[in-house]
């Protein structure tokens, strides 16, 4: 984890992505967030992007997860949210291919 945190501190942009299970981020993402606690005050001046994938097709059902991401980044110094991608309707492997979320991710990647 120390290496991951060092890289996050050095990075200009942080992309946080998680599958959504039972209307919240997965445990691995929450663990990553929690383990930044020792040095979160060093995570300053970051551009942040959020990506969420879920089987459900309604974006509003992912708002709880988005608020969890925003809760974390609100604790960081001068974090700037640059984009949110909702990868909805991804129940089976390959469902996300060709979806609008893929084009959005590509375009956001070009802008960083």
C-alpha atoms as a PDB file:
ATOM      1  CA  UNK A   1       0.000   0.000   0.000  1.00  0.00           C
ATOM      2  CA  UNK A   2       2.881   2.375   0.683  1.00  0.00           C
ATOM      3  CA  UNK A   3       3.890   2.300  -2.991  1.00  0.00           C
ATOM      4  CA  UNK A   4       0.327   2.953  -4.166  1.00  0.00           C
ATOM      5  CA  UNK A   5      -0.014   5.865  -1.761  1.00  0.00           C
ATOM      6  CA  UNK A   6       3.333   7.310  -2.856  1.00  0.00           C
ATOM      7  CA  UNK A   7       2.134   7.193  -6.464  1.00  0.00           C
ATOM      8  CA  UNK A   8      -1.163   8.822  -5.586  1.00  0.00           C
ATOM      9  CA  UNK A   9       0.686  11.641  -3.831  1.00  0.00           C
ATOM     10  CA  UNK A  10       2.941  12.219  -6.854  1.00  0.00           C
ATOM     11  CA  UNK A  11       0.097  12.010  -9.401  1.00  0.00           C
ATOM     12  CA  UNK A  12      -1.651  15.021 -10.894  1.00  0.00           C
ATOM     13  CA  UNK A  13      -4.755  12.986 -11.753  1.00  0.00           C
ATOM     14  CA  UNK A  14      -6.464  10.216  -9.795  1.00  0.00           C
ATOM     15  CA  UNK A  15      -9.058   7.966 -11.402  1.00  0.00           C
ATOM     16  CA  UNK A  16     -11.144   5.999  -8.939  1.00  0.00           C
ATOM     17  CA  UNK A  17     -13.154   3.145 -10.393  1.00  0.00           C
ATOM     18  CA  UNK A  18     -15.335   0.532  -8.755  1.00  0.00           C
ATOM     19  CA  UNK A  19     -18.005  -1.982  -9.550  1.00  0.00           C
ATOM     20  CA  UNK A  20     -21.159  -1.232  -7.581  1.00  0.00           C
ATOM     21  CA  UNK A  21     -22.599  -4.070  -5.541  1.00  0.00           C
ATOM     22  CA  UNK A  22     -25.734  -3.564  -3.442  1.00  0.00           C
ATOM     23  CA  UNK A  23     -25.700   0.177  -4.217  1.00  0.00           C
ATOM     24  CA  UNK A  24     -22.218   0.923  -2.882  1.00  0.00           C
ATOM     25  CA  UNK A  25     -18.540   0.696  -3.821  1.00  0.00           C
ATOM     26  CA  UNK A  26     -16.777  -2.616  -3.465  1.00  0.00           C
ATOM     27  CA  UNK A  27     -14.735  -3.463  -0.382  1.00  0.00           C
ATOM     28  CA  UNK A  28     -11.372  -3.116  -2.105  1.00  0.00           C
ATOM     29  CA  UNK A  29     -12.061   0.511  -3.044  1.00  0.00           C
ATOM     30  CA  UNK A  30     -13.255   1.344   0.459  1.00  0.00           C
ATOM     31  CA  UNK A  31     -10.123  -0.280   1.892  1.00  0.00           C
ATOM     32  CA  UNK A  32      -7.928   1.780  -0.447  1.00  0.00           C
ATOM     33  CA  UNK A  33      -9.673   4.965   0.665  1.00  0.00           C
ATOM     34  CA  UNK A  34      -9.375   4.050   4.339  1.00  0.00           C
ATOM     35  CA  UNK A  35      -5.687   3.249   4.011  1.00  0.00           C
ATOM     36  CA  UNK A  36      -4.899   6.700   2.668  1.00  0.00           C
ATOM     37  CA  UNK A  37      -5.772   8.087   6.095  1.00  0.00           C
ATOM     38  CA  UNK A  38      -2.183   8.172   7.349  1.00  0.00           C
ATOM     39  CA  UNK A  39      -1.145  10.548   4.558  1.00  0.00           C
ATOM     40  CA  UNK A  40      -4.354  11.965   3.075  1.00  0.00           C
ATOM     41  CA  UNK A  41      -3.239  15.529   3.875  1.00  0.00           C
ATOM     42  CA  UNK A  42      -0.511  15.031   1.261  1.00  0.00           C
ATOM     43  CA  UNK A  43      -3.089  14.326  -1.449  1.00  0.00           C
ATOM     44  CA  UNK A  44      -3.439  17.927  -2.595  1.00  0.00           C
ATOM     45  CA  UNK A  45      -4.164  19.655  -5.898  1.00  0.00           C
ATOM     46  CA  UNK A  46      -5.535  16.520  -7.601  1.00  0.00           C
ATOM     47  CA  UNK A  47      -7.866  16.264 -10.545  1.00  0.00           C
ATOM     48  CA  UNK A  48     -10.191  13.335  -9.864  1.00  0.00           C
ATOM     49  CA  UNK A  49     -12.399  11.199 -12.078  1.00  0.00           C
ATOM     50  CA  UNK A  50     -14.917   8.628 -10.884  1.00  0.00           C
ATOM     51  CA  UNK A  51     -15.982   5.516 -12.791  1.00  0.00           C
ATOM     52  CA  UNK A  52     -18.738   3.221 -11.568  1.00  0.00           C
ATOM     53  CA  UNK A  53     -20.071   0.103 -13.234  1.00  0.00           C
ATOM     54  CA  UNK A  54     -23.235  -1.745 -12.297  1.00  0.00           C
ATOM     55  CA  UNK A  55     -25.773  -4.196 -13.609  1.00  0.00           C
ATOM     56  CA  UNK A  56     -28.614  -1.734 -13.045  1.00  0.00           C
ATOM     57  CA  UNK A  57     -29.473   0.605 -15.894  1.00  0.00           C
ATOM     58  CA  UNK A  58     -30.521   3.623 -13.826  1.00  0.00           C
ATOM     59  CA  UNK A  59     -27.769   6.132 -13.072  1.00  0.00           C
ATOM     60  CA  UNK A  60     -29.621   7.475 -10.051  1.00  0.00           C
ATOM     61  CA  UNK A  61     -29.069   4.144  -8.281  1.00  0.00           C
ATOM     62  CA  UNK A  62     -25.316   4.840  -8.324  1.00  0.00           C
ATOM     63  CA  UNK A  63     -25.595   8.189  -6.543  1.00  0.00           C
ATOM     64  CA  UNK A  64     -24.786   6.664  -3.133  1.00  0.00           C
ATOM     65  CA  UNK A  65     -21.474   5.422  -4.493  1.00  0.00           C
ATOM     66  CA  UNK A  66     -20.739   8.783  -6.091  1.00  0.00           C
ATOM     67  CA  UNK A  67     -21.401  10.524  -2.770  1.00  0.00           C
ATOM     68  CA  UNK A  68     -18.965   8.138  -1.059  1.00  0.00           C
ATOM     69  CA  UNK A  69     -16.280   9.109  -3.587  1.00  0.00           C
ATOM     70  CA  UNK A  70     -17.090  12.777  -3.089  1.00  0.00           C
ATOM     71  CA  UNK A  71     -16.956  12.369   0.679  1.00  0.00           C
ATOM     72  CA  UNK A  72     -13.403  11.095   0.364  1.00  0.00           C
ATOM     73  CA  UNK A  73     -12.213  13.762  -2.051  1.00  0.00           C
ATOM     74  CA  UNK A  74     -13.852  16.539  -0.006  1.00  0.00           C
ATOM     75  CA  UNK A  75     -11.235  15.743   2.650  1.00  0.00           C
ATOM     76  CA  UNK A  76      -8.380  16.318   0.201  1.00  0.00           C
ATOM     77  CA  UNK A  77      -6.820  19.720  -0.271  1.00  0.00           C
ATOM     78  CA  UNK A  78      -8.010  21.437  -3.440  1.00  0.00           C
ATOM     79  CA  UNK A  79      -9.288  18.292  -5.194  1.00  0.00           C
ATOM     80  CA  UNK A  80     -11.148  19.080  -8.406  1.00  0.00           C
ATOM     81  CA  UNK A  81     -13.758  16.677  -9.727  1.00  0.00           C
ATOM     82  CA  UNK A  82     -13.283  16.514 -13.489  1.00  0.00           C
ATOM     83  CA  UNK A  83     -15.704  13.800 -14.556  1.00  0.00           C
ATOM     84  CA  UNK A  84     -18.051  10.979 -13.649  1.00  0.00           C
ATOM     85  CA  UNK A  85     -18.724   7.917 -15.770  1.00  0.00           C
ATOM     86  CA  UNK A  86     -21.705   5.651 -15.165  1.00  0.00           C
ATOM     87  CA  UNK A  87     -21.133   2.233 -16.719  1.00  0.00           C
ATOM     88  CA  UNK A  88     -24.688   1.008 -16.291  1.00  0.00           C
ATOM     89  CA  UNK A  89     -26.228  -2.154 -17.673  1.00  0.00           C
ATOM     90  CA  UNK A  90     -23.046  -4.190 -17.207  1.00  0.00           C
ATOM     91  CA  UNK A  91     -24.320  -7.491 -15.875  1.00  0.00           C
ATOM     92  CA  UNK A  92     -22.287  -9.949 -17.948  1.00  0.00           C
ATOM     93  CA  UNK A  93     -18.707  -9.879 -19.135  1.00  0.00           C
ATOM     94  CA  UNK A  94     -18.468  -7.749 -22.263  1.00  0.00           C
ATOM     95  CA  UNK A  95     -21.723  -5.846 -21.669  1.00  0.00           C
ATOM     96  CA  UNK A  96     -19.838  -2.568 -21.300  1.00  0.00           C
ATOM     97  CA  UNK A  97     -18.174  -2.801 -24.714  1.00  0.00           C
ATOM     98  CA  UNK A  98     -19.695  -0.368 -27.139  1.00  0.00           C
ATOM     99  CA  UNK A  99     -21.615   1.455 -24.412  1.00  0.00           C
ATOM    100  CA  UNK A 100     -21.613   5.241 -24.131  1.00  0.00           C
ATOM    101  CA  UNK A 101     -19.449   4.875 -20.997  1.00  0.00           C
ATOM    102  CA  UNK A 102     -16.532   3.626 -23.073  1.00  0.00           C
ATOM    103  CA  UNK A 103     -16.648   6.649 -25.378  1.00  0.00           C
ATOM    104  CA  UNK A 104     -16.947   8.962 -22.371  1.00  0.00           C
ATOM    105  CA  UNK A 105     -13.892   7.396 -20.739  1.00  0.00           C
ATOM    106  CA  UNK A 106     -11.928   7.758 -23.949  1.00  0.00           C
ATOM    107  CA  UNK A 107     -12.851  11.426 -24.325  1.00  0.00           C
ATOM    108  CA  UNK A 108     -12.092  12.212 -20.683  1.00  0.00           C
ATOM    109  CA  UNK A 109      -8.727  10.489 -21.050  1.00  0.00           C
ATOM    110  CA  UNK A 110      -7.844  12.774 -23.944  1.00  0.00           C
ATOM    111  CA  UNK A 111      -8.599  15.837 -21.832  1.00  0.00           C
ATOM    112  CA  UNK A 112      -6.167  15.020 -19.008  1.00  0.00           C
END
